[in-house]
Amino acid sequence: MKMGRLSLLLVLSLPACREPAVPQAVQAFAEVARQAGLDWQHRSGSPEKWHILEAKGGGAAFLDYDGDGRLDIYLVNGSTLEGEETLRDALYRNTGNGRFTEVTAQAGLGDTS
């Protein structure tokens, strides 16, 4: 049986796989959304996700909507099939130093459909 080019490459690269792993620095993440002024919750359907339409989430856009050189955040919400609650999109203006202020109404946004 002939050894193909791909098989030969795999055999030649095996010794590199046996080198001891270098320990990586541990990355720590913290939930700081509320402290930053981002008080918003995404909702898409029921928690059980019985229907395919409920499984699709919303989205986010990072843009400088007010032209101040800082990225603002526009968050797109989902919906419920039952229509039991009114959910809306939200726009947060970046005020600097890791802080945001909701300006949805002032910007004429807040779609609920």
PDB file of N, CA and C in Angstrom:
ATOM      1  N   MET A   1       0.842  -1.177   0.000  1.00  0.00           N
ATOM      2  CA  MET A   1       0.000   0.000   0.000  1.00  0.00           C
ATOM      3  C   MET A   1       0.891   1.245   0.000  1.00  0.00           C
ATOM      4  N   LYS A   2       0.601   2.221  -0.853  1.00  0.00           N
ATOM      5  CA  LYS A   2       1.376   3.441  -0.957  1.00  0.00           C
ATOM      6  C   LYS A   2       0.959   4.436   0.128  1.00  0.00           C
ATOM      7  N   MET A   3       1.938   5.109   0.687  1.00  0.00           N
ATOM      8  CA  MET A   3       1.640   6.124   1.681  1.00  0.00           C
ATOM      9  C   MET A   3       1.412   7.445   0.939  1.00  0.00           C
ATOM     10  N   GLY A   4       0.261   8.047   1.131  1.00  0.00           N
ATOM     11  CA  GLY A   4      -0.056   9.298   0.459  1.00  0.00           C
ATOM     12  C   GLY A   4       0.676  10.473   1.082  1.00  0.00           C
ATOM     13  N   ARG A   5       0.624  11.606   0.418  1.00  0.00           N
ATOM     14  CA  ARG A   5       1.296  12.813   0.890  1.00  0.00           C
ATOM     15  C   ARG A   5       0.771  13.244   2.259  1.00  0.00           C
ATOM     16  N   LEU A   6      -0.556  13.197   2.474  1.00  0.00           N
ATOM     17  CA  LEU A   6      -1.156  13.602   3.741  1.00  0.00           C
ATOM     18  C   LEU A   6      -0.691  12.692   4.872  1.00  0.00           C
ATOM     19  N   SER A   7      -0.648  11.372   4.635  1.00  0.00           N
ATOM     20  CA  SER A   7      -0.199  10.431   5.659  1.00  0.00           C
ATOM     21  C   SER A   7       1.244  10.710   6.033  1.00  0.00           C
ATOM     22  N   LEU A   8       2.086  10.984   5.079  1.00  0.00           N
ATOM     23  CA  LEU A   8       3.485  11.260   5.341  1.00  0.00           C
ATOM     24  C   LEU A   8       3.635  12.515   6.198  1.00  0.00           C
ATOM     25  N   LEU A   9       2.841  13.555   5.906  1.00  0.00           N
ATOM     26  CA  LEU A   9       2.892  14.779   6.696  1.00  0.00           C
ATOM     27  C   LEU A   9       2.476  14.521   8.130  1.00  0.00           C
ATOM     28  N   LEU A  10       1.461  13.693   8.334  1.00  0.00           N
ATOM     29  CA  LEU A  10       1.016  13.371   9.686  1.00  0.00           C
ATOM     30  C   LEU A  10       2.094  12.624  10.449  1.00  0.00           C
ATOM     31  N   VAL A  11       2.749  11.676   9.816  1.00  0.00           N
ATOM     32  CA  VAL A  11       3.813  10.920  10.469  1.00  0.00           C
ATOM     33  C   VAL A  11       4.969  11.840  10.836  1.00  0.00           C
ATOM     34  N   LEU A  12       5.338  12.740   9.948  1.00  0.00           N
ATOM     35  CA  LEU A  12       6.441  13.645  10.218  1.00  0.00           C
ATOM     36  C   LEU A  12       6.119  14.642  11.324  1.00  0.00           C
ATOM     37  N   SER A  13       4.857  14.979  11.536  1.00  0.00           N
ATOM     38  CA  SER A  13       4.497  15.960  12.544  1.00  0.00           C
ATOM     39  C   SER A  13       4.229  15.337  13.914  1.00  0.00           C
ATOM     40  N   LEU A  14       4.186  14.031  14.022  1.00  0.00           N
ATOM     41  CA  LEU A  14       3.908  13.391  15.308  1.00  0.00           C
ATOM     42  C   LEU A  14       4.918  13.732  16.389  1.00  0.00           C
ATOM     43  N   PRO A  15       6.219  13.755  16.129  1.00  0.00           N
ATOM     44  CA  PRO A  15       7.151  14.092  17.208  1.00  0.00           C
ATOM     45  C   PRO A  15       6.857  15.450  17.833  1.00  0.00           C
ATOM     46  N   ALA A  16       6.381  16.412  17.064  1.00  0.00           N
ATOM     47  CA  ALA A  16       6.060  17.733  17.606  1.00  0.00           C
ATOM     48  C   ALA A  16       4.894  17.661  18.579  1.00  0.00           C
ATOM     49  N   CYS A  17       4.019  16.690  18.415  1.00  0.00           N
ATOM     50  CA  CYS A  17       2.862  16.554  19.285  1.00  0.00           C
ATOM     51  C   CYS A  17       3.255  16.019  20.663  1.00  0.00           C
ATOM     52  N   ARG A  18       4.430  15.409  20.788  1.00  0.00           N
ATOM     53  CA  ARG A  18       4.837  14.791  22.047  1.00  0.00           C
ATOM     54  C   ARG A  18       5.557  15.753  22.979  1.00  0.00           C
ATOM     55  N   GLU A  19       5.787  16.977  22.546  1.00  0.00           N
ATOM     56  CA  GLU A  19       6.470  17.935  23.403  1.00  0.00           C
ATOM     57  C   GLU A  19       5.570  18.285  24.584  1.00  0.00           C
ATOM     58  N   PRO A  20       6.167  18.539  25.749  1.00  0.00           N
ATOM     59  CA  PRO A  20       5.343  18.873  26.919  1.00  0.00           C
ATOM     60  C   PRO A  20       4.587  20.181  26.694  1.00  0.00           C
ATOM     61  N   ALA A  21       3.386  20.217  27.198  1.00  0.00           N
ATOM     62  CA  ALA A  21       2.562  21.412  27.052  1.00  0.00           C
ATOM     63  C   ALA A  21       3.086  22.521  27.951  1.00  0.00           C
ATOM     64  N   VAL A  22       3.058  23.732  27.453  1.00  0.00           N
ATOM     65  CA  VAL A  22       3.469  24.895  28.233  1.00  0.00           C
ATOM     66  C   VAL A  22       2.252  25.381  29.003  1.00  0.00           C
ATOM     67  N   PRO A  23       2.369  25.549  30.316  1.00  0.00           N
ATOM     68  CA  PRO A  23       1.216  26.025  31.088  1.00  0.00           C
ATOM     69  C   PRO A  23       0.750  27.386  30.579  1.00  0.00           C
ATOM     70  N   GLN A  24      -0.529  27.538  30.437  1.00  0.00           N
ATOM     71  CA  GLN A  24      -1.119  28.789  29.977  1.00  0.00           C
ATOM     72  C   GLN A  24      -1.594  29.609  31.173  1.00  0.00           C
ATOM     73  N   ALA A  25      -1.556  30.908  31.037  1.00  0.00           N
ATOM     74  CA  ALA A  25      -2.072  31.782  32.085  1.00  0.00           C
ATOM     75  C   ALA A  25      -3.579  31.613  32.182  1.00  0.00           C
ATOM     76  N   VAL A  26      -4.094  31.623  33.378  1.00  0.00           N
ATOM     77  CA  VAL A  26      -5.530  31.475  33.602  1.00  0.00           C
ATOM     78  C   VAL A  26      -6.202  32.812  33.342  1.00  0.00           C
ATOM     79  N   GLN A  27      -7.240  32.783  32.520  1.00  0.00           N
ATOM     80  CA  GLN A  27      -8.002  33.986  32.219  1.00  0.00           C
ATOM     81  C   GLN A  27      -9.215  34.047  33.141  1.00  0.00           C
ATOM     82  N   ALA A  28      -9.431  35.155  33.773  1.00  0.00           N
ATOM     83  CA  ALA A  28     -10.587  35.320  34.653  1.00  0.00           C
ATOM     84  C   ALA A  28     -11.549  36.326  34.028  1.00  0.00           C
ATOM     85  N   PHE A  29     -12.808  35.981  34.027  1.00  0.00           N
ATOM     86  CA  PHE A  29     -13.843  36.869  33.509  1.00  0.00           C
ATOM     87  C   PHE A  29     -14.788  37.233  34.651  1.00  0.00           C
ATOM     88  N   ALA A  30     -15.296  38.435  34.637  1.00  0.00           N
ATOM     89  CA  ALA A  30     -16.230  38.883  35.662  1.00  0.00           C
ATOM     90  C   ALA A  30     -17.435  39.523  34.988  1.00  0.00           C
ATOM     91  N   GLU A  31     -18.603  39.336  35.562  1.00  0.00           N
ATOM     92  CA  GLU A  31     -19.844  39.937  35.053  1.00  0.00           C
ATOM     93  C   GLU A  31     -19.896  41.383  35.534  1.00  0.00           C
ATOM     94  N   VAL A  32     -19.751  42.332  34.611  1.00  0.00           N
ATOM     95  CA  VAL A  32     -19.730  43.745  34.980  1.00  0.00           C
ATOM     96  C   VAL A  32     -20.757  44.553  34.192  1.00  0.00           C
ATOM     97  N   ALA A  33     -21.686  43.890  33.539  1.00  0.00           N
ATOM     98  CA  ALA A  33     -22.655  44.596  32.689  1.00  0.00           C
ATOM     99  C   ALA A  33     -23.460  45.625  33.475  1.00  0.00           C
ATOM    100  N   ARG A  34     -24.017  45.235  34.600  1.00  0.00           N
ATOM    101  CA  ARG A  34     -24.842  46.183  35.377  1.00  0.00           C
ATOM    102  C   ARG A  34     -24.021  47.358  35.894  1.00  0.00           C
ATOM    103  N   GLN A  35     -22.806  47.074  36.366  1.00  0.00           N
ATOM    104  CA  GLN A  35     -21.950  48.157  36.848  1.00  0.00           C
ATOM    105  C   GLN A  35     -21.602  49.119  35.720  1.00  0.00           C
ATOM    106  N   ALA A  36     -21.555  48.611  34.491  1.00  0.00           N
ATOM    107  CA  ALA A  36     -21.245  49.453  33.328  1.00  0.00           C
ATOM    108  C   ALA A  36     -22.469  50.209  32.825  1.00  0.00           C
ATOM    109  N   GLY A  37     -23.648  49.899  33.373  1.00  0.00           N
ATOM    110  CA  GLY A  37     -24.868  50.575  32.950  1.00  0.00           C
ATOM    111  C   GLY A  37     -25.673  49.798  31.929  1.00  0.00           C
ATOM    112  N   LEU A  38     -25.270  48.564  31.615  1.00  0.00           N
ATOM    113  CA  LEU A  38     -25.989  47.732  30.645  1.00  0.00           C
ATOM    114  C   LEU A  38     -26.977  46.844  31.396  1.00  0.00           C
ATOM    115  N   ASP A  39     -28.165  47.381  31.646  1.00  0.00           N
ATOM    116  CA  ASP A  39     -29.195  46.660  32.389  1.00  0.00           C
ATOM    117  C   ASP A  39     -30.269  46.193  31.403  1.00  0.00           C
ATOM    118  N   TRP A  40     -30.007  45.093  30.729  1.00  0.00           N
ATOM    119  CA  TRP A  40     -30.869  44.606  29.647  1.00  0.00           C
ATOM    120  C   TRP A  40     -30.818  43.089  29.652  1.00  0.00           C
ATOM    121  N   GLN A  41     -31.926  42.459  29.353  1.00  0.00           N
ATOM    122  CA  GLN A  41     -31.956  40.998  29.310  1.00  0.00           C
ATOM    123  C   GLN A  41     -32.550  40.543  27.985  1.00  0.00           C
ATOM    124  N   HIS A  42     -31.841  39.629  27.323  1.00  0.00           N
ATOM    125  CA  HIS A  42     -32.332  39.066  26.066  1.00  0.00           C
ATOM    126  C   HIS A  42     -33.349  37.981  26.354  1.00  0.00           C
ATOM    127  N   ARG A  43     -34.400  37.935  25.535  1.00  0.00           N
ATOM    128  CA  ARG A  43     -35.414  36.891  25.676  1.00  0.00           C
ATOM    129  C   ARG A  43     -35.802  36.435  24.286  1.00  0.00           C
ATOM    130  N   SER A  44     -35.859  35.147  24.097  1.00  0.00           N
ATOM    131  CA  SER A  44     -36.275  34.596  22.813  1.00  0.00           C
ATOM    132  C   SER A  44     -37.071  33.327  23.061  1.00  0.00           C
ATOM    133  N   GLY A  45     -38.378  33.452  23.047  1.00  0.00           N
ATOM    134  CA  GLY A  45     -39.236  32.292  23.241  1.00  0.00           C
ATOM    135  C   GLY A  45     -39.282  31.817  24.672  1.00  0.00           C
ATOM    136  N   SER A  46     -39.827  30.637  24.856  1.00  0.00           N
ATOM    137  CA  SER A  46     -39.918  30.052  26.188  1.00  0.00           C
ATOM    138  C   SER A  46     -38.589  29.394  26.553  1.00  0.00           C
ATOM    139  N   PRO A  47     -38.345  29.178  27.828  1.00  0.00           N
ATOM    140  CA  PRO A  47     -37.090  28.521  28.228  1.00  0.00           C
ATOM    141  C   PRO A  47     -36.943  27.112  27.645  1.00  0.00           C
ATOM    142  N   GLU A  48     -38.054  26.439  27.348  1.00  0.00           N
ATOM    143  CA  GLU A  48     -37.993  25.074  26.822  1.00  0.00           C
ATOM    144  C   GLU A  48     -37.608  25.001  25.356  1.00  0.00           C
ATOM    145  N   LYS A  49     -37.849  26.062  24.601  1.00  0.00           N
ATOM    146  CA  LYS A  49     -37.545  26.120  23.160  1.00  0.00           C
ATOM    147  C   LYS A  49     -38.231  24.989  22.390  1.00  0.00           C
ATOM    148  N   TRP A  50     -39.538  24.916  22.496  1.00  0.00           N
ATOM    149  CA  TRP A  50     -40.307  23.868  21.816  1.00  0.00           C
ATOM    150  C   TRP A  50     -40.403  24.106  20.316  1.00  0.00           C
ATOM    151  N   HIS A  51     -40.281  25.335  19.867  1.00  0.00           N
ATOM    152  CA  HIS A  51     -40.440  25.676  18.450  1.00  0.00           C
ATOM    153  C   HIS A  51     -39.128  26.205  17.889  1.00  0.00           C
ATOM    154  N   ILE A  52     -38.850  25.929  16.639  1.00  0.00           N
ATOM    155  CA  ILE A  52     -37.598  26.348  16.007  1.00  0.00           C
ATOM    156  C   ILE A  52     -37.441  27.873  16.024  1.00  0.00           C
ATOM    157  N   LEU A  53     -38.538  28.599  15.928  1.00  0.00           N
ATOM    158  CA  LEU A  53     -38.455  30.059  15.943  1.00  0.00           C
ATOM    159  C   LEU A  53     -37.936  30.588  17.273  1.00  0.00           C
ATOM    160  N   GLU A  54     -38.134  29.829  18.345  1.00  0.00           N
ATOM    161  CA  GLU A  54     -37.683  30.257  19.663  1.00  0.00           C
ATOM    162  C   GLU A  54     -36.175  30.056  19.852  1.00  0.00           C
ATOM    163  N   ALA A  55     -35.595  29.197  19.072  1.00  0.00           N
ATOM    164  CA  ALA A  55     -34.175  28.884  19.239  1.00  0.00           C
ATOM    165  C   ALA A  55     -33.268  29.967  18.674  1.00  0.00           C
ATOM    166  N   LYS A  56     -33.802  30.771  17.799  1.00  0.00           N
ATOM    167  CA  LYS A  56     -32.997  31.833  17.176  1.00  0.00           C
ATOM    168  C   LYS A  56     -32.903  33.023  18.128  1.00  0.00           C
ATOM    169  N   GLY A  57     -31.695  33.482  18.342  1.00  0.00           N
ATOM    170  CA  GLY A  57     -31.480  34.586  19.267  1.00  0.00           C
ATOM    171  C   GLY A  57     -31.534  35.939  18.593  1.00  0.00           C
ATOM    172  N   GLY A  58     -31.215  36.947  19.361  1.00  0.00           N
ATOM    173  CA  GLY A  58     -31.194  38.308  18.852  1.00  0.00           C
ATOM    174  C   GLY A  58     -29.813  38.641  18.324  1.00  0.00           C
ATOM    175  N   GLY A  59     -29.405  39.855  18.532  1.00  0.00           N
ATOM    176  CA  GLY A  59     -28.100  40.251  18.033  1.00  0.00           C
ATOM    177  C   GLY A  59     -27.623  41.522  18.699  1.00  0.00           C
ATOM    178  N   ALA A  60     -26.451  41.965  18.302  1.00  0.00           N
ATOM    179  CA  ALA A  60     -25.871  43.191  18.844  1.00  0.00           C
ATOM    180  C   ALA A  60     -25.086  43.894  17.751  1.00  0.00           C
ATOM    181  N   ALA A  61     -25.098  45.203  17.817  1.00  0.00           N
ATOM    182  CA  ALA A  61     -24.298  46.009  16.897  1.00  0.00           C
ATOM    183  C   ALA A  61     -23.451  46.961  17.726  1.00  0.00           C
ATOM    184  N   PHE A  62     -22.201  47.073  17.351  1.00  0.00           N
ATOM    185  CA  PHE A  62     -21.289  48.009  18.001  1.00  0.00           C
ATOM    186  C   PHE A  62     -20.990  49.095  16.978  1.00  0.00           C
ATOM    187  N   LEU A  63     -21.456  50.301  17.259  1.00  0.00           N
ATOM    188  CA  LEU A  63     -21.343  51.393  16.301  1.00  0.00           C
ATOM    189  C   LEU A  63     -21.182  52.710  17.041  1.00  0.00           C
ATOM    190  N   ASP A  64     -20.674  53.696  16.372  1.00  0.00           N
ATOM    191  CA  ASP A  64     -20.541  55.034  16.951  1.00  0.00           C
ATOM    192  C   ASP A  64     -21.716  55.863  16.450  1.00  0.00           C
ATOM    193  N   TYR A  65     -22.872  55.693  17.083  1.00  0.00           N
ATOM    194  CA  TYR A  65     -24.086  56.328  16.561  1.00  0.00           C
ATOM    195  C   TYR A  65     -24.091  57.835  16.761  1.00  0.00           C
ATOM    196  N   ASP A  66     -23.380  58.333  17.764  1.00  0.00           N
ATOM    197  CA  ASP A  66     -23.406  59.764  18.032  1.00  0.00           C
ATOM    198  C   ASP A  66     -22.141  60.501  17.585  1.00  0.00           C
ATOM    199  N   GLY A  67     -21.221  59.790  16.937  1.00  0.00           N
ATOM    200  CA  GLY A  67     -20.041  60.415  16.346  1.00  0.00           C
ATOM    201  C   GLY A  67     -19.022  60.940  17.338  1.00  0.00           C
ATOM    202  N   ASP A  68     -18.983  60.400  18.564  1.00  0.00           N
ATOM    203  CA  ASP A  68     -18.034  60.893  19.557  1.00  0.00           C
ATOM    204  C   ASP A  68     -16.736  60.085  19.603  1.00  0.00           C
ATOM    205  N   GLY A  69     -16.587  59.104  18.694  1.00  0.00           N
ATOM    206  CA  GLY A  69     -15.374  58.303  18.641  1.00  0.00           C
ATOM    207  C   GLY A  69     -15.379  57.083  19.535  1.00  0.00           C
ATOM    208  N   ARG A  70     -16.480  56.853  20.281  1.00  0.00           N
ATOM    209  CA  ARG A  70     -16.572  55.679  21.157  1.00  0.00           C
ATOM    210  C   ARG A  70     -17.668  54.752  20.621  1.00  0.00           C
ATOM    211  N   LEU A  71     -17.432  53.436  20.705  1.00  0.00           N
ATOM    212  CA  LEU A  71     -18.423  52.477  20.222  1.00  0.00           C
ATOM    213  C   LEU A  71     -19.592  52.370  21.185  1.00  0.00           C
ATOM    214  N   ASP A  72     -20.787  52.561  20.657  1.00  0.00           N
ATOM    215  CA  ASP A  72     -22.024  52.397  21.403  1.00  0.00           C
ATOM    216  C   ASP A  72     -22.568  51.008  21.095  1.00  0.00           C
ATOM    217  N   ILE A  73     -23.599  50.575  21.828  1.00  0.00           N
ATOM    218  CA  ILE A  73     -24.124  49.219  21.666  1.00  0.00           C
ATOM    219  C   ILE A  73     -25.622  49.261  21.398  1.00  0.00           C
ATOM    220  N   TYR A  74     -26.042  48.587  20.327  1.00  0.00           N
ATOM    221  CA  TYR A  74     -27.465  48.404  20.032  1.00  0.00           C
ATOM    222  C   TYR A  74     -27.769  46.920  20.188  1.00  0.00           C
ATOM    223  N   LEU A  75     -28.695  46.584  21.085  1.00  0.00           N
ATOM    224  CA  LEU A  75     -29.045  45.201  21.382  1.00  0.00           C
ATOM    225  C   LEU A  75     -30.423  44.877  20.831  1.00  0.00           C
ATOM    226  N   VAL A  76     -30.517  43.773  20.090  1.00  0.00           N
ATOM    227  CA  VAL A  76     -31.769  43.354  19.462  1.00  0.00           C
ATOM    228  C   VAL A  76     -32.361  42.217  20.277  1.00  0.00           C
ATOM    229  N   ASN A  77     -33.586  42.398  20.722  1.00  0.00           N
ATOM    230  CA  ASN A  77     -34.243  41.378  21.536  1.00  0.00           C
ATOM    231  C   ASN A  77     -35.022  40.413  20.672  1.00  0.00           C
ATOM    232  N   GLY A  78     -35.454  39.322  21.285  1.00  0.00           N
ATOM    233  CA  GLY A  78     -36.264  38.323  20.601  1.00  0.00           C
ATOM    234  C   GLY A  78     -37.734  38.580  20.856  1.00  0.00           C
ATOM    235  N   SER A  79     -38.484  37.518  20.975  1.00  0.00           N
ATOM    236  CA  SER A  79     -39.915  37.618  21.199  1.00  0.00           C
ATOM    237  C   SER A  79     -40.392  36.326  21.836  1.00  0.00           C
ATOM    238  N   THR A  80     -41.628  36.333  22.278  1.00  0.00           N
ATOM    239  CA  THR A  80     -42.248  35.105  22.758  1.00  0.00           C
ATOM    240  C   THR A  80     -43.384  34.760  21.809  1.00  0.00           C
ATOM    241  N   LEU A  81     -43.598  33.482  21.581  1.00  0.00           N
ATOM    242  CA  LEU A  81     -44.683  33.071  20.700  1.00  0.00           C
ATOM    243  C   LEU A  81     -46.035  33.380  21.317  1.00  0.00           C
ATOM    244  N   GLU A  82     -46.085  33.327  22.631  1.00  0.00           N
ATOM    245  CA  GLU A  82     -47.343  33.582  23.314  1.00  0.00           C
ATOM    246  C   GLU A  82     -47.709  35.054  23.317  1.00  0.00           C
ATOM    247  N   GLY A  83     -46.726  35.925  23.136  1.00  0.00           N
ATOM    248  CA  GLY A  83     -46.970  37.364  23.158  1.00  0.00           C
ATOM    249  C   GLY A  83     -47.299  37.868  24.544  1.00  0.00           C
ATOM    250  N   GLU A  84     -46.847  37.151  25.576  1.00  0.00           N
ATOM    251  CA  GLU A  84     -47.200  37.497  26.943  1.00  0.00           C
ATOM    252  C   GLU A  84     -46.495  38.735  27.466  1.00  0.00           C
ATOM    253  N   GLU A  85     -45.410  39.099  26.858  1.00  0.00           N
ATOM    254  CA  GLU A  85     -44.698  40.284  27.308  1.00  0.00           C
ATOM    255  C   GLU A  85     -44.189  41.070  26.105  1.00  0.00           C
ATOM    256  N   THR A  86     -44.035  42.364  26.308  1.00  0.00           N
ATOM    257  CA  THR A  86     -43.521  43.213  25.246  1.00  0.00           C
ATOM    258  C   THR A  86     -42.028  43.385  25.466  1.00  0.00           C
ATOM    259  N   LEU A  87     -41.263  42.940  24.512  1.00  0.00           N
ATOM    260  CA  LEU A  87     -39.806  43.054  24.575  1.00  0.00           C
ATOM    261  C   LEU A  87     -39.359  44.083  23.557  1.00  0.00           C
ATOM    262  N   ARG A  88     -38.296  44.792  23.867  1.00  0.00           N
ATOM    263  CA  ARG A  88     -37.838  45.819  22.934  1.00  0.00           C
ATOM    264  C   ARG A  88     -36.335  45.787  22.775  1.00  0.00           C
ATOM    265  N   ASP A  89     -35.882  46.374  21.685  1.00  0.00           N
ATOM    266  CA  ASP A  89     -34.463  46.553  21.440  1.00  0.00           C
ATOM    267  C   ASP A  89     -33.981  47.716  22.315  1.00  0.00           C
ATOM    268  N   ALA A  90     -32.670  47.857  22.471  1.00  0.00           N
ATOM    269  CA  ALA A  90     -32.142  48.935  23.304  1.00  0.00           C
ATOM    270  C   ALA A  90     -30.840  49.479  22.725  1.00  0.00           C
ATOM    271  N   LEU A  91     -30.659  50.791  22.870  1.00  0.00           N
ATOM    272  CA  LEU A  91     -29.433  51.464  22.449  1.00  0.00           C
ATOM    273  C   LEU A  91     -28.747  52.026  23.687  1.00  0.00           C
ATOM    274  N   TYR A  92     -27.474  51.710  23.844  1.00  0.00           N
ATOM    275  CA  TYR A  92     -26.678  52.209  24.967  1.00  0.00           C
ATOM    276  C   TYR A  92     -25.542  53.067  24.435  1.00  0.00           C
ATOM    277  N   ARG A  93     -25.472  54.299  24.934  1.00  0.00           N
ATOM    278  CA  ARG A  93     -24.427  55.242  24.531  1.00  0.00           C
ATOM    279  C   ARG A  93     -23.215  55.047  25.433  1.00  0.00           C
ATOM    280  N   ASN A  94     -22.047  54.940  24.818  1.00  0.00           N
ATOM    281  CA  ASN A  94     -20.798  54.793  25.548  1.00  0.00           C
ATOM    282  C   ASN A  94     -20.402  56.167  26.076  1.00  0.00           C
ATOM    283  N   THR A  95     -20.371  56.319  27.412  1.00  0.00           N
ATOM    284  CA  THR A  95     -20.023  57.601  28.020  1.00  0.00           C
ATOM    285  C   THR A  95     -18.552  57.664  28.421  1.00  0.00           C
ATOM    286  N   GLY A  96     -17.806  56.606  28.124  1.00  0.00           N
ATOM    287  CA  GLY A  96     -16.384  56.560  28.445  1.00  0.00           C
ATOM    288  C   GLY A  96     -16.124  55.827  29.749  1.00  0.00           C
ATOM    289  N   ASN A  97     -14.888  55.455  29.962  1.00  0.00           N
ATOM    290  CA  ASN A  97     -14.463  54.758  31.180  1.00  0.00           C
ATOM    291  C   ASN A  97     -15.251  53.484  31.452  1.00  0.00           C
ATOM    292  N   GLY A  98     -15.660  52.797  30.390  1.00  0.00           N
ATOM    293  CA  GLY A  98     -16.385  51.537  30.561  1.00  0.00           C
ATOM    294  C   GLY A  98     -17.814  51.690  31.041  1.00  0.00           C
ATOM    295  N   ARG A  99     -18.417  52.839  30.836  1.00  0.00           N
ATOM    296  CA  ARG A  99     -19.793  53.095  31.293  1.00  0.00           C
ATOM    297  C   ARG A  99     -20.704  53.376  30.102  1.00  0.00           C
ATOM    298  N   PHE A 100     -21.978  52.983  30.245  1.00  0.00           N
ATOM    299  CA  PHE A 100     -22.975  53.172  29.194  1.00  0.00           C
ATOM    300  C   PHE A 100     -24.255  53.739  29.800  1.00  0.00           C
ATOM    301  N   THR A 101     -24.990  54.499  28.981  1.00  0.00           N
ATOM    302  CA  THR A 101     -26.276  55.057  29.376  1.00  0.00           C
ATOM    303  C   THR A 101     -27.295  54.681  28.317  1.00  0.00           C
ATOM    304  N   GLU A 102     -28.470  54.209  28.744  1.00  0.00           N
ATOM    305  CA  GLU A 102     -29.503  53.848  27.769  1.00  0.00           C
ATOM    306  C   GLU A 102     -30.100  55.113  27.167  1.00  0.00           C
ATOM    307  N   VAL A 103     -30.133  55.164  25.836  1.00  0.00           N
ATOM    308  CA  VAL A 103     -30.665  56.326  25.113  1.00  0.00           C
ATOM    309  C   VAL A 103     -31.668  55.880  24.046  1.00  0.00           C
ATOM    310  N   THR A 104     -32.316  54.764  24.286  1.00  0.00           N
ATOM    311  CA  THR A 104     -33.235  54.189  23.298  1.00  0.00           C
ATOM    312  C   THR A 104     -34.328  55.176  22.903  1.00  0.00           C
ATOM    313  N   ALA A 105     -35.040  55.702  23.882  1.00  0.00           N
ATOM    314  CA  ALA A 105     -36.162  56.602  23.602  1.00  0.00           C
ATOM    315  C   ALA A 105     -35.681  57.886  22.949  1.00  0.00           C
ATOM    316  N   GLN A 106     -34.582  58.472  23.445  1.00  0.00           N
ATOM    317  CA  GLN A 106     -34.064  59.720  22.883  1.00  0.00           C
ATOM    318  C   GLN A 106     -33.662  59.559  21.422  1.00  0.00           C
ATOM    319  N   ALA A 107     -33.219  58.353  21.046  1.00  0.00           N
ATOM    320  CA  ALA A 107     -32.801  58.101  19.664  1.00  0.00           C
ATOM    321  C   ALA A 107     -33.967  57.680  18.778  1.00  0.00           C
ATOM    322  N   GLY A 108     -35.167  57.566  19.353  1.00  0.00           N
ATOM    323  CA  GLY A 108     -36.341  57.170  18.584  1.00  0.00           C
ATOM    324  C   GLY A 108     -36.321  55.682  18.213  1.00  0.00           C
ATOM    325  N   LEU A 109     -35.675  54.860  19.034  1.00  0.00           N
ATOM    326  CA  LEU A 109     -35.585  53.439  18.774  1.00  0.00           C
ATOM    327  C   LEU A 109     -36.391  52.666  19.814  1.00  0.00           C
ATOM    328  N   GLY A 110     -36.208  51.356  19.852  1.00  0.00           N
ATOM    329  CA  GLY A 110     -36.907  50.521  20.821  1.00  0.00           C
ATOM    330  C   GLY A 110     -37.966  49.668  20.174  1.00  0.00           C
ATOM    331  N   ASP A 111     -37.654  49.113  19.012  1.00  0.00           N
ATOM    332  CA  ASP A 111     -38.593  48.274  18.281  1.00  0.00           C
ATOM    333  C   ASP A 111     -39.105  47.139  19.171  1.00  0.00           C
ATOM    334  N   THR A 112     -40.399  46.874  19.112  1.00  0.00           N
ATOM    335  CA  THR A 112     -40.998  45.804  19.915  1.00  0.00           C
ATOM    336  C   THR A 112     -41.555  44.676  19.048  1.00  0.00           C
ATOM    337  N   SER A 113     -41.230  44.688  17.755  1.00  0.00           N
ATOM    338  CA  SER A 113     -41.774  43.630  16.897  1.00  0.00           C
ATOM    339  C   SER A 113     -40.675  42.720  16.392  1.00  0.00           C
TER     340      SER A 113
END
